[in-house]
């Protein structure tokens, strides 16, 4: 094993920020410990989108995408769907409610989720074409997300009936309004 791929914990020096809050590593054997989570929590707090990720895959063109993600409680995850790809999510720390929307956004199904020790569901596999979002209920949500690559911006469709991803304040208000509806 080369020095570059030695089995030691990732450090911030091992990471390359490709976009705000999106980090890659040149390592071929990628593994994470609590230091990676601490790093991402710090990054999420200073990022305008209030989230940060380390991509375990080498590039956006990779066939498989695996990401360690931390989202702060006021992160707005705009309702969206993936027309041709499923995705999976595994919660490591924190709590959130997964929101599943009908095509027109009028009906919402809620799935409370948490870490494995919470007694709540901690994993999902989202089917293609399902509008979904997350309402983060804890200070931080730490999770692993996986989907098929390569990444193309048109692989995701934002819901036309919800605030756009960059409309943070309106988006947070929209998600908060859904928490109280039955």
Protein backbone atom coordinates (compact mmCIF):
# COMPACT_ATOMS: atom_id res chain seq x y z
CA UNK A 1 0.00 0.00 0.00
CA UNK A 2 1.44 3.38 -0.93
CA UNK A 3 1.86 6.19 1.60
CA UNK A 4 -1.00 8.02 -0.12
CA UNK A 5 -3.32 5.08 0.56
CA UNK A 6 -1.99 4.15 4.00
CA UNK A 7 -4.59 3.01 6.50
CA UNK A 8 -4.90 6.09 8.69
CA UNK A 9 -7.74 8.46 9.38
CA UNK A 10 -8.63 11.17 6.90
CA UNK A 11 -7.40 14.60 7.85
CA UNK A 12 -8.53 17.93 6.41
CA UNK A 13 -5.26 17.92 4.44
CA UNK A 14 -6.44 14.78 2.63
CA UNK A 15 -9.53 16.56 1.35
CA UNK A 16 -10.07 18.75 -1.68
CA UNK A 17 -13.08 21.10 -1.65
CA UNK A 18 -14.55 20.92 -5.17
CA UNK A 19 -17.53 23.18 -4.37
CA UNK A 20 -18.66 24.85 -1.15
CA UNK A 21 -19.12 22.07 1.41
CA UNK A 22 -18.34 19.26 -1.07
CA UNK A 23 -15.08 17.43 -0.41
CA UNK A 24 -13.29 14.66 -2.27
CA UNK A 25 -10.21 12.64 -1.39
CA UNK A 26 -7.63 11.12 -3.70
CA UNK A 27 -7.44 7.98 -1.59
CA UNK A 28 -8.58 4.75 -3.18
CA UNK A 29 -9.39 3.09 0.18
CA UNK A 30 -11.74 5.54 1.87
CA UNK A 31 -12.85 5.09 5.47
CA UNK A 32 -14.26 7.48 8.04
CA UNK A 33 -14.02 7.89 11.80
CA UNK A 34 -15.49 10.40 14.23
CA UNK A 35 -12.93 12.98 13.12
CA UNK A 36 -14.59 13.12 9.70
CA UNK A 37 -17.96 13.76 11.35
CA UNK A 38 -16.50 16.55 13.52
CA UNK A 39 -14.90 18.12 10.45
CA UNK A 40 -18.20 18.00 8.54
CA UNK A 41 -20.15 19.49 11.45
CA UNK A 42 -17.76 22.46 11.48
CA UNK A 43 -18.07 22.81 7.71
CA UNK A 44 -21.89 22.58 7.79
CA UNK A 45 -22.09 25.42 10.31
CA UNK A 46 -20.05 27.72 8.08
CA UNK A 47 -21.70 26.74 4.77
CA UNK A 48 -24.59 28.84 3.42
CA UNK A 49 -26.55 25.64 2.64
CA UNK A 50 -25.86 24.42 6.20
CA UNK A 51 -24.54 21.05 5.06
CA UNK A 52 -21.26 19.44 4.07
CA UNK A 53 -20.21 16.11 2.59
CA UNK A 54 -17.20 13.97 1.90
CA UNK A 55 -17.55 11.97 -1.29
CA UNK A 56 -16.01 8.51 -1.02
CA UNK A 57 -16.22 8.17 -4.80
CA UNK A 58 -13.32 9.66 -6.80
CA UNK A 59 -15.28 12.03 -9.05
CA UNK A 60 -18.77 13.04 -10.22
CA UNK A 61 -18.29 10.61 -13.13
CA UNK A 62 -17.95 7.54 -10.87
CA UNK A 63 -20.46 4.72 -11.39
CA UNK A 64 -21.34 4.56 -7.69
CA UNK A 65 -21.68 7.56 -5.37
CA UNK A 66 -21.25 7.11 -1.61
CA UNK A 67 -21.22 10.18 0.62
CA UNK A 68 -20.88 10.94 4.32
CA UNK A 69 -23.11 13.97 4.88
CA UNK A 70 -23.79 16.27 7.79
CA UNK A 71 -26.74 18.64 7.65
CA UNK A 72 -27.43 21.24 10.31
CA UNK A 73 -30.98 21.55 11.70
CA UNK A 74 -31.85 24.54 9.51
CA UNK A 75 -30.72 22.90 6.25
CA UNK A 76 -33.36 23.19 3.55
CA UNK A 77 -33.62 20.00 1.53
CA UNK A 78 -35.83 21.11 -1.33
CA UNK A 79 -38.47 18.56 -2.35
CA UNK A 80 -37.08 16.77 -5.38
CA UNK A 81 -37.06 13.48 -7.24
CA UNK A 82 -34.70 11.48 -9.38
CA UNK A 83 -36.32 10.39 -12.65
CA UNK A 84 -33.93 7.49 -13.32
CA UNK A 85 -32.08 6.74 -10.07
CA UNK A 86 -32.91 5.38 -6.66
CA UNK A 87 -31.00 6.50 -3.60
CA UNK A 88 -30.42 5.06 -0.17
CA UNK A 89 -29.92 6.85 3.13
CA UNK A 90 -28.54 5.48 6.40
CA UNK A 91 -28.71 7.67 9.51
CA UNK A 92 -25.72 7.45 11.84
CA UNK A 93 -26.59 10.27 14.26
CA UNK A 94 -29.57 12.52 14.84
CA UNK A 95 -33.21 12.48 13.84
CA UNK A 96 -35.23 13.59 10.84
CA UNK A 97 -38.59 13.12 9.24
CA UNK A 98 -38.57 11.89 5.67
CA UNK A 99 -41.31 13.60 3.69
CA UNK A 100 -42.83 11.78 0.72
CA UNK A 101 -44.98 13.92 -1.56
CA UNK A 102 -47.62 13.10 -4.12
CA UNK A 103 -47.04 14.29 -7.66
CA UNK A 104 -48.87 17.58 -7.02
CA UNK A 105 -47.40 18.06 -3.53
CA UNK A 106 -50.81 18.23 -1.83
CA UNK A 107 -50.44 15.06 0.20
CA UNK A 108 -47.44 14.26 2.37
CA UNK A 109 -46.50 11.01 4.06
CA UNK A 110 -44.13 11.38 7.02
CA UNK A 111 -41.60 8.81 8.21
CA UNK A 112 -39.83 9.69 11.49
CA UNK A 113 -36.25 8.36 11.38
CA UNK A 114 -33.26 8.29 13.70
CA UNK A 115 -29.98 6.61 14.49
CA UNK A 116 -30.02 2.82 14.97
CA UNK A 117 -30.24 3.16 18.76
CA UNK A 118 -33.34 5.39 18.57
CA UNK A 119 -35.80 2.59 17.86
CA UNK A 120 -36.91 4.44 14.72
CA UNK A 121 -36.24 3.40 11.13
CA UNK A 122 -32.66 4.36 10.26
CA UNK A 123 -32.47 3.32 6.59
CA UNK A 124 -34.46 3.86 3.42
CA UNK A 125 -34.14 3.13 -0.26
CA UNK A 126 -36.00 5.81 -2.21
CA UNK A 127 -37.52 4.65 -5.49
CA UNK A 128 -37.16 6.60 -8.71
CA UNK A 129 -39.66 9.38 -9.43
CA UNK A 130 -40.72 9.84 -5.78
CA UNK A 131 -40.75 13.47 -4.59
CA UNK A 132 -39.04 13.58 -1.20
CA UNK A 133 -37.38 15.86 1.34
CA UNK A 134 -36.04 15.80 4.89
CA UNK A 135 -37.09 17.78 7.94
CA UNK A 136 -34.09 17.66 10.28
CA UNK A 137 -35.23 17.38 13.89
CA UNK A 138 -31.87 17.29 15.73
CA UNK A 139 -29.06 19.83 15.84
CA UNK A 140 -27.16 17.78 13.23
CA UNK A 141 -28.12 14.86 11.02
CA UNK A 142 -25.21 12.60 10.11
CA UNK A 143 -25.95 10.11 7.36
CA UNK A 144 -24.58 8.10 4.48
CA UNK A 145 -26.24 8.51 1.10
CA UNK A 146 -25.62 6.29 -1.90
CA UNK A 147 -26.84 6.44 -5.48
CA UNK A 148 -25.77 5.43 -8.93
CA UNK A 149 -23.46 7.78 -10.82
CA UNK A 150 -22.45 9.63 -12.78
CA UNK A 151 -23.77 12.90 -11.35
CA UNK A 152 -25.63 15.05 -13.84
CA UNK A 153 -27.65 18.07 -12.72
CA UNK A 154 -30.60 16.99 -14.86
CA UNK A 155 -30.75 13.70 -12.90
CA UNK A 156 -32.70 15.61 -10.26
CA UNK A 157 -36.01 17.41 -10.67
CA UNK A 158 -37.01 20.00 -8.07
CA UNK A 159 -40.69 20.11 -7.18
CA UNK A 160 -42.42 22.99 -9.01
CA UNK A 161 -44.80 23.53 -6.04
CA UNK A 162 -42.05 24.11 -3.43
CA UNK A 163 -39.46 26.86 -2.90
CA UNK A 164 -36.32 26.44 -5.01
CA UNK A 165 -33.18 25.00 -3.33
CA UNK A 166 -31.55 28.44 -3.07
CA UNK A 167 -34.62 30.00 -1.40
CA UNK A 168 -33.41 29.02 2.07
CA UNK A 169 -35.75 31.11 4.26
CA UNK A 170 -38.87 30.30 2.24
CA UNK A 171 -37.82 26.66 2.06
CA UNK A 172 -37.30 26.37 5.82
CA UNK A 173 -40.73 27.97 6.39
CA UNK A 174 -42.30 25.54 3.90
CA UNK A 175 -40.80 22.48 5.64
CA UNK A 176 -41.73 23.87 9.09
CA UNK A 177 -45.35 24.26 7.93
CA UNK A 178 -45.43 20.56 7.03
CA UNK A 179 -44.27 19.47 10.49
CA UNK A 180 -47.53 20.60 12.07
CA UNK A 181 -49.97 19.36 9.42
CA UNK A 182 -51.57 15.98 9.90
